N, C-alpha and C. Protein backbone atom coordinates (compact mmCIF):
# COMPACT_ATOMS: atom_id res chain seq x y z
N UNK A 1 43.29 -70.89 53.81
CA UNK A 1 44.28 -70.68 52.80
C UNK A 1 43.67 -69.92 51.61
N UNK A 2 42.49 -70.33 51.23
CA UNK A 2 41.81 -69.68 50.11
C UNK A 2 41.51 -68.22 50.47
N UNK A 3 41.11 -67.96 51.70
CA UNK A 3 40.80 -66.61 52.14
C UNK A 3 42.06 -65.76 52.12
N UNK A 4 43.20 -66.31 52.57
CA UNK A 4 44.45 -65.57 52.57
C UNK A 4 44.84 -65.19 51.14
N UNK A 5 44.67 -66.11 50.19
CA UNK A 5 45.02 -65.85 48.80
C UNK A 5 44.17 -64.70 48.26
N UNK A 6 42.86 -64.71 48.55
CA UNK A 6 41.98 -63.64 48.09
C UNK A 6 42.36 -62.32 48.73
N UNK A 7 42.70 -62.32 50.00
CA UNK A 7 43.09 -61.10 50.69
C UNK A 7 44.37 -60.53 50.09
N UNK A 8 45.33 -61.39 49.84
CA UNK A 8 46.59 -60.94 49.24
C UNK A 8 46.32 -60.39 47.84
N UNK A 9 45.47 -61.05 47.06
CA UNK A 9 45.16 -60.61 45.70
C UNK A 9 44.47 -59.25 45.72
N UNK A 10 43.52 -59.08 46.65
CA UNK A 10 42.82 -57.80 46.73
C UNK A 10 43.74 -56.68 47.17
N UNK A 11 44.57 -56.93 48.16
CA UNK A 11 45.51 -55.92 48.64
C UNK A 11 46.49 -55.56 47.53
N UNK A 12 47.00 -56.56 46.82
CA UNK A 12 47.94 -56.31 45.74
C UNK A 12 47.29 -55.51 44.62
N UNK A 13 46.08 -55.88 44.27
CA UNK A 13 45.37 -55.15 43.22
C UNK A 13 45.12 -53.70 43.64
N UNK A 14 44.74 -53.51 44.90
CA UNK A 14 44.49 -52.16 45.39
C UNK A 14 45.75 -51.33 45.40
N UNK A 15 46.86 -51.91 45.84
CA UNK A 15 48.13 -51.19 45.86
C UNK A 15 48.58 -50.87 44.45
N UNK A 16 48.42 -51.81 43.55
CA UNK A 16 48.84 -51.61 42.17
C UNK A 16 48.09 -50.44 41.57
N UNK A 17 46.80 -50.40 41.78
CA UNK A 17 45.98 -49.33 41.22
C UNK A 17 46.31 -47.99 41.86
N UNK A 18 46.52 -47.97 43.18
CA UNK A 18 46.77 -46.73 43.89
C UNK A 18 48.17 -46.18 43.62
N UNK A 19 49.18 -47.05 43.60
CA UNK A 19 50.56 -46.59 43.50
C UNK A 19 51.01 -46.46 42.06
N UNK A 20 50.88 -47.49 41.29
CA UNK A 20 51.47 -47.50 39.96
C UNK A 20 50.47 -47.18 38.86
N UNK A 21 49.20 -47.24 39.16
CA UNK A 21 48.22 -46.98 38.12
C UNK A 21 48.16 -48.10 37.12
N UNK A 22 48.50 -49.31 37.52
CA UNK A 22 48.49 -50.41 36.57
C UNK A 22 47.07 -50.87 36.30
N UNK A 23 46.93 -51.70 35.34
CA UNK A 23 45.60 -52.16 34.95
C UNK A 23 45.08 -51.26 33.84
N UNK A 24 43.90 -51.54 33.38
CA UNK A 24 43.34 -50.74 32.31
C UNK A 24 42.38 -49.73 32.90
N UNK A 25 42.70 -48.51 32.72
CA UNK A 25 41.83 -47.44 33.17
C UNK A 25 41.10 -46.90 31.96
N UNK A 26 39.81 -46.83 32.04
CA UNK A 26 39.01 -46.34 30.94
C UNK A 26 38.88 -44.83 31.05
N UNK A 27 39.27 -44.11 30.01
CA UNK A 27 39.07 -42.68 29.92
C UNK A 27 38.12 -42.44 28.77
N UNK A 28 37.10 -41.63 28.98
CA UNK A 28 36.19 -41.37 27.86
C UNK A 28 36.92 -40.66 26.74
N UNK A 29 36.65 -41.07 25.53
CA UNK A 29 37.24 -40.42 24.37
C UNK A 29 36.62 -39.04 24.22
N UNK A 30 37.44 -38.07 23.82
CA UNK A 30 36.86 -36.76 23.59
C UNK A 30 35.81 -36.83 22.50
N UNK A 31 34.74 -36.10 22.70
CA UNK A 31 33.70 -36.08 21.68
C UNK A 31 34.15 -35.22 20.52
N UNK A 32 33.40 -35.27 19.44
CA UNK A 32 33.76 -34.48 18.27
C UNK A 32 33.61 -32.99 18.55
N UNK A 33 32.93 -32.64 19.62
CA UNK A 33 32.77 -31.22 19.93
C UNK A 33 33.77 -30.77 20.98
N UNK A 34 34.87 -31.49 21.15
CA UNK A 34 35.89 -31.07 22.09
C UNK A 34 37.25 -31.21 21.43
N UNK A 35 38.23 -30.61 22.05
CA UNK A 35 39.59 -30.68 21.53
C UNK A 35 40.53 -31.02 22.67
N UNK A 36 41.61 -31.69 22.35
CA UNK A 36 42.61 -32.04 23.36
C UNK A 36 43.83 -31.17 23.14
N UNK A 37 44.26 -30.47 24.18
CA UNK A 37 45.43 -29.61 24.08
C UNK A 37 46.68 -30.46 24.16
N UNK A 38 47.84 -29.84 23.92
CA UNK A 38 49.10 -30.58 23.99
C UNK A 38 49.37 -31.09 25.39
N UNK A 39 48.77 -30.48 26.40
CA UNK A 39 48.94 -30.94 27.77
C UNK A 39 47.99 -32.08 28.10
N UNK A 40 47.13 -32.45 27.14
CA UNK A 40 46.20 -33.55 27.37
C UNK A 40 44.89 -33.12 27.99
N UNK A 41 44.67 -31.82 28.12
CA UNK A 41 43.44 -31.32 28.71
C UNK A 41 42.36 -31.26 27.63
N UNK A 42 41.17 -31.73 27.97
CA UNK A 42 40.07 -31.68 27.03
C UNK A 42 39.29 -30.40 27.28
N UNK A 43 39.13 -29.62 26.21
CA UNK A 43 38.37 -28.38 26.30
C UNK A 43 37.19 -28.45 25.35
N UNK A 44 36.02 -28.01 25.77
CA UNK A 44 34.87 -28.06 24.88
C UNK A 44 35.02 -27.07 23.73
N UNK A 45 34.50 -27.46 22.58
CA UNK A 45 34.49 -26.56 21.43
C UNK A 45 33.38 -25.54 21.62
N UNK A 46 33.47 -24.42 20.94
CA UNK A 46 32.40 -23.44 21.06
C UNK A 46 31.08 -24.03 20.58
N UNK A 47 30.00 -23.64 21.23
CA UNK A 47 28.71 -24.19 20.85
C UNK A 47 28.22 -23.53 19.57
N UNK A 48 27.37 -24.24 18.85
CA UNK A 48 26.81 -23.75 17.60
C UNK A 48 25.32 -24.02 17.62
N UNK A 49 24.58 -23.37 16.72
CA UNK A 49 23.16 -23.69 16.66
C UNK A 49 22.96 -25.19 16.48
N UNK A 50 21.82 -25.66 16.90
CA UNK A 50 21.58 -27.10 16.92
C UNK A 50 21.67 -27.75 15.55
N UNK A 51 21.24 -27.09 14.52
CA UNK A 51 21.30 -27.67 13.19
C UNK A 51 21.67 -26.62 12.17
N UNK A 52 22.88 -26.72 11.65
CA UNK A 52 23.34 -25.79 10.63
C UNK A 52 23.74 -26.60 9.41
N UNK A 53 23.21 -26.24 8.27
CA UNK A 53 23.51 -26.95 7.03
C UNK A 53 24.93 -26.64 6.59
N UNK A 54 25.46 -27.44 5.66
CA UNK A 54 26.79 -27.14 5.14
C UNK A 54 26.87 -25.73 4.52
N UNK A 55 25.75 -25.20 4.07
CA UNK A 55 25.71 -23.86 3.52
C UNK A 55 25.62 -22.77 4.56
N UNK A 56 25.62 -23.14 5.85
CA UNK A 56 25.59 -22.16 6.94
C UNK A 56 24.20 -21.70 7.34
N UNK A 57 23.17 -22.42 6.92
CA UNK A 57 21.80 -22.05 7.24
C UNK A 57 21.33 -22.80 8.47
N UNK A 58 20.79 -22.08 9.44
CA UNK A 58 20.22 -22.73 10.63
C UNK A 58 18.94 -23.43 10.21
N UNK A 59 18.91 -24.75 10.38
CA UNK A 59 17.76 -25.55 9.96
C UNK A 59 17.05 -26.22 11.12
N UNK A 60 17.62 -26.08 12.32
CA UNK A 60 17.00 -26.69 13.50
C UNK A 60 17.50 -25.97 14.74
N UNK A 61 16.58 -25.73 15.66
CA UNK A 61 16.92 -25.15 16.95
C UNK A 61 16.29 -26.05 18.00
N UNK A 62 17.10 -26.53 18.93
CA UNK A 62 16.62 -27.50 19.93
C UNK A 62 15.89 -26.88 21.10
N UNK A 63 14.84 -26.15 20.80
CA UNK A 63 13.95 -25.61 21.83
C UNK A 63 12.53 -25.69 21.29
N UNK A 64 11.56 -25.72 22.15
CA UNK A 64 10.17 -25.71 21.67
C UNK A 64 9.85 -24.38 20.99
N UNK A 65 8.99 -24.45 20.00
CA UNK A 65 8.57 -23.26 19.27
C UNK A 65 7.77 -22.34 20.18
N UNK A 66 8.02 -21.04 20.02
CA UNK A 66 7.24 -20.05 20.76
C UNK A 66 6.76 -19.01 19.76
N UNK A 67 5.62 -19.26 19.21
CA UNK A 67 4.99 -18.31 18.30
C UNK A 67 3.49 -18.37 18.59
N UNK A 68 2.86 -17.22 18.53
CA UNK A 68 1.41 -17.23 18.72
C UNK A 68 0.78 -17.92 17.51
N UNK A 69 -0.47 -18.30 17.64
CA UNK A 69 -1.16 -18.95 16.53
C UNK A 69 -1.20 -18.02 15.32
N UNK A 70 -1.41 -16.77 15.55
CA UNK A 70 -1.46 -15.78 14.47
C UNK A 70 -0.09 -15.64 13.80
N UNK A 71 0.97 -15.52 14.60
CA UNK A 71 2.32 -15.42 14.05
C UNK A 71 2.67 -16.66 13.23
N UNK A 72 2.35 -17.82 13.79
CA UNK A 72 2.69 -19.07 13.10
C UNK A 72 1.92 -19.14 11.78
N UNK A 73 0.65 -18.78 11.79
CA UNK A 73 -0.15 -18.81 10.56
C UNK A 73 0.41 -17.88 9.51
N UNK A 74 0.81 -16.68 9.91
CA UNK A 74 1.39 -15.72 8.98
C UNK A 74 2.72 -16.24 8.43
N UNK A 75 3.55 -16.82 9.30
CA UNK A 75 4.84 -17.34 8.87
C UNK A 75 4.66 -18.51 7.90
N UNK A 76 3.72 -19.36 8.18
CA UNK A 76 3.46 -20.51 7.31
C UNK A 76 2.94 -20.03 5.95
N UNK A 77 2.03 -19.08 5.96
CA UNK A 77 1.48 -18.53 4.72
C UNK A 77 2.57 -17.84 3.90
N UNK A 78 3.45 -17.10 4.55
CA UNK A 78 4.55 -16.43 3.86
C UNK A 78 5.47 -17.46 3.20
N UNK A 79 5.71 -18.56 3.90
CA UNK A 79 6.57 -19.61 3.34
C UNK A 79 5.90 -20.26 2.12
N UNK A 80 4.59 -20.51 2.20
CA UNK A 80 3.86 -21.10 1.07
C UNK A 80 3.96 -20.18 -0.14
N UNK A 81 3.72 -18.89 0.06
CA UNK A 81 3.78 -17.95 -1.06
C UNK A 81 5.16 -17.93 -1.70
N UNK A 82 6.20 -17.89 -0.88
CA UNK A 82 7.57 -17.87 -1.41
C UNK A 82 7.85 -19.16 -2.18
N UNK A 83 7.46 -20.29 -1.63
CA UNK A 83 7.72 -21.58 -2.28
C UNK A 83 6.96 -21.70 -3.60
N UNK A 84 5.71 -21.22 -3.63
CA UNK A 84 4.94 -21.28 -4.87
C UNK A 84 5.59 -20.42 -5.95
N UNK A 85 6.17 -19.30 -5.58
CA UNK A 85 6.81 -18.42 -6.55
C UNK A 85 8.09 -19.02 -7.15
N UNK A 86 8.63 -20.06 -6.49
CA UNK A 86 9.86 -20.67 -6.97
C UNK A 86 9.60 -21.71 -8.06
N UNK A 87 8.37 -22.17 -8.19
CA UNK A 87 7.98 -23.17 -9.19
C UNK A 87 8.89 -24.40 -9.12
N UNK A 88 9.06 -24.92 -7.92
CA UNK A 88 9.87 -26.11 -7.69
C UNK A 88 9.19 -26.94 -6.60
N UNK A 89 9.68 -28.13 -6.39
CA UNK A 89 9.15 -29.02 -5.35
C UNK A 89 9.37 -28.36 -3.98
N UNK A 90 8.30 -28.06 -3.26
CA UNK A 90 8.46 -27.40 -1.95
C UNK A 90 9.37 -28.16 -0.99
N UNK A 91 9.42 -29.48 -1.11
CA UNK A 91 10.27 -30.26 -0.21
C UNK A 91 11.75 -29.89 -0.37
N UNK A 92 12.12 -29.36 -1.53
CA UNK A 92 13.51 -28.98 -1.77
C UNK A 92 13.78 -27.52 -1.42
N UNK A 93 12.76 -26.82 -0.98
CA UNK A 93 12.89 -25.37 -0.80
C UNK A 93 12.98 -24.90 0.65
N UNK A 94 12.94 -25.81 1.60
CA UNK A 94 12.97 -25.37 3.00
C UNK A 94 14.28 -24.63 3.31
N UNK A 95 15.40 -25.23 3.00
CA UNK A 95 16.67 -24.57 3.30
C UNK A 95 16.85 -23.28 2.52
N UNK A 96 16.57 -23.24 1.21
CA UNK A 96 16.69 -21.95 0.51
C UNK A 96 15.78 -20.87 1.11
N UNK A 97 14.57 -21.26 1.51
CA UNK A 97 13.67 -20.28 2.12
C UNK A 97 14.25 -19.79 3.45
N UNK A 98 14.72 -20.71 4.28
CA UNK A 98 15.30 -20.31 5.56
C UNK A 98 16.51 -19.40 5.35
N UNK A 99 17.26 -19.64 4.28
CA UNK A 99 18.41 -18.78 3.99
C UNK A 99 17.95 -17.35 3.75
N UNK A 100 16.82 -17.17 3.06
CA UNK A 100 16.32 -15.82 2.83
C UNK A 100 15.88 -15.17 4.14
N UNK A 101 15.29 -15.96 5.02
CA UNK A 101 14.85 -15.42 6.31
C UNK A 101 16.02 -14.98 7.17
N UNK A 102 17.15 -15.64 7.00
CA UNK A 102 18.30 -15.39 7.87
C UNK A 102 19.23 -14.29 7.36
N UNK A 103 18.86 -13.66 6.26
CA UNK A 103 19.64 -12.52 5.77
C UNK A 103 19.46 -11.36 6.74
N UNK A 104 20.51 -10.60 7.00
CA UNK A 104 20.42 -9.51 7.98
C UNK A 104 19.32 -8.49 7.67
N UNK A 105 19.02 -8.28 6.40
CA UNK A 105 18.02 -7.27 6.06
C UNK A 105 16.60 -7.81 6.01
N UNK A 106 16.43 -9.10 6.19
CA UNK A 106 15.10 -9.71 6.09
C UNK A 106 14.33 -9.53 7.38
N UNK A 107 13.13 -9.03 7.25
CA UNK A 107 12.20 -8.93 8.37
C UNK A 107 10.81 -8.88 7.76
N UNK A 108 10.01 -9.86 8.04
CA UNK A 108 8.67 -9.92 7.48
C UNK A 108 7.85 -10.95 8.22
N UNK A 109 6.72 -11.36 7.65
CA UNK A 109 5.86 -12.30 8.36
C UNK A 109 6.52 -13.65 8.63
N UNK A 110 7.50 -14.04 7.81
CA UNK A 110 8.21 -15.30 8.04
C UNK A 110 9.07 -15.30 9.28
N UNK A 111 9.43 -14.08 9.73
CA UNK A 111 10.25 -13.93 10.95
C UNK A 111 9.55 -13.03 11.96
N UNK A 112 8.22 -13.03 11.92
CA UNK A 112 7.42 -12.27 12.88
C UNK A 112 7.76 -10.79 12.86
N UNK A 113 8.09 -10.30 11.65
CA UNK A 113 8.40 -8.89 11.40
C UNK A 113 9.64 -8.39 12.14
N UNK A 114 10.57 -9.32 12.39
CA UNK A 114 11.83 -8.96 13.05
C UNK A 114 12.97 -9.63 12.30
N UNK A 115 14.17 -9.06 12.32
CA UNK A 115 15.31 -9.75 11.71
C UNK A 115 15.60 -11.06 12.45
N UNK A 116 16.13 -12.04 11.74
CA UNK A 116 16.43 -13.36 12.30
C UNK A 116 17.26 -13.25 13.57
N UNK A 117 18.29 -12.43 13.53
CA UNK A 117 19.19 -12.30 14.69
C UNK A 117 18.49 -11.74 15.92
N UNK A 118 17.37 -11.06 15.73
CA UNK A 118 16.64 -10.49 16.86
C UNK A 118 15.63 -11.47 17.46
N UNK A 119 15.43 -12.60 16.78
CA UNK A 119 14.49 -13.61 17.29
C UNK A 119 15.11 -14.41 18.42
N UNK A 120 14.28 -14.83 19.34
CA UNK A 120 14.75 -15.76 20.38
C UNK A 120 14.92 -17.13 19.73
N UNK A 121 15.68 -18.03 20.33
CA UNK A 121 15.77 -19.38 19.76
C UNK A 121 14.39 -20.03 19.60
N UNK A 122 13.48 -19.78 20.53
CA UNK A 122 12.15 -20.36 20.43
C UNK A 122 11.38 -19.79 19.24
N UNK A 123 11.57 -18.51 18.94
CA UNK A 123 10.93 -17.92 17.77
C UNK A 123 11.57 -18.45 16.49
N UNK A 124 12.89 -18.61 16.50
CA UNK A 124 13.56 -19.21 15.35
C UNK A 124 13.02 -20.62 15.09
N UNK A 125 12.81 -21.38 16.16
CA UNK A 125 12.24 -22.72 16.02
C UNK A 125 10.85 -22.65 15.39
N UNK A 126 10.07 -21.64 15.76
CA UNK A 126 8.74 -21.47 15.19
C UNK A 126 8.79 -21.15 13.70
N UNK A 127 9.73 -20.30 13.31
CA UNK A 127 9.88 -19.95 11.89
C UNK A 127 10.32 -21.17 11.08
N UNK A 128 11.20 -21.97 11.64
CA UNK A 128 11.66 -23.19 10.96
C UNK A 128 10.49 -24.18 10.84
N UNK A 129 9.73 -24.33 11.91
CA UNK A 129 8.59 -25.25 11.88
C UNK A 129 7.56 -24.80 10.84
N UNK A 130 7.32 -23.50 10.73
CA UNK A 130 6.37 -22.98 9.75
C UNK A 130 6.86 -23.29 8.33
N UNK A 131 8.14 -23.13 8.08
CA UNK A 131 8.70 -23.43 6.76
C UNK A 131 8.56 -24.90 6.42
N UNK A 132 8.83 -25.76 7.40
CA UNK A 132 8.72 -27.21 7.17
C UNK A 132 7.28 -27.60 6.91
N UNK A 133 6.34 -27.04 7.65
CA UNK A 133 4.93 -27.36 7.43
C UNK A 133 4.45 -26.83 6.09
N UNK A 134 4.93 -25.67 5.70
CA UNK A 134 4.56 -25.12 4.39
C UNK A 134 5.02 -26.06 3.28
N UNK A 135 6.23 -26.59 3.42
CA UNK A 135 6.76 -27.50 2.40
C UNK A 135 5.94 -28.78 2.32
N UNK A 136 5.34 -29.17 3.42
CA UNK A 136 4.51 -30.40 3.44
C UNK A 136 3.05 -30.10 3.09
N UNK A 137 2.73 -28.85 2.83
CA UNK A 137 1.37 -28.47 2.52
C UNK A 137 0.44 -28.54 3.71
N UNK A 138 0.97 -28.28 4.90
CA UNK A 138 0.20 -28.41 6.13
C UNK A 138 -0.21 -27.07 6.75
N UNK A 139 -0.09 -25.99 6.01
CA UNK A 139 -0.54 -24.71 6.57
C UNK A 139 -2.06 -24.67 6.48
N UNK A 140 -2.68 -24.22 7.56
CA UNK A 140 -4.13 -24.20 7.66
C UNK A 140 -4.75 -23.22 6.77
């Protein structure tokens, strides 16, 4: 009798789920990087750089840095010089410095002598890392 009750319960539950869709079905909530259309379809939002400040400055790129030791040293030294010329706490100058690097006309040792837009994401990560280390006083 107990077996019959379980069989009936399982069959009923299976039919309910298959036919009527009853019960609680868990649907993942759309993430903040997606949108739901009026038809209920979830579409991903366009991708953006990994870390962009409210001021529109790229402050993080989620790839390993790819800069030669010489390039990194030059970029770090350039950041130190720029920060010293500002006469302010270097810890507050990383984003303003990166903003100067990301100007279309900027190309110098801080960006490996290329405009920001021409850098690979890995090179951008290297320039950001150099700026952060300069602010911490860690340039060799």
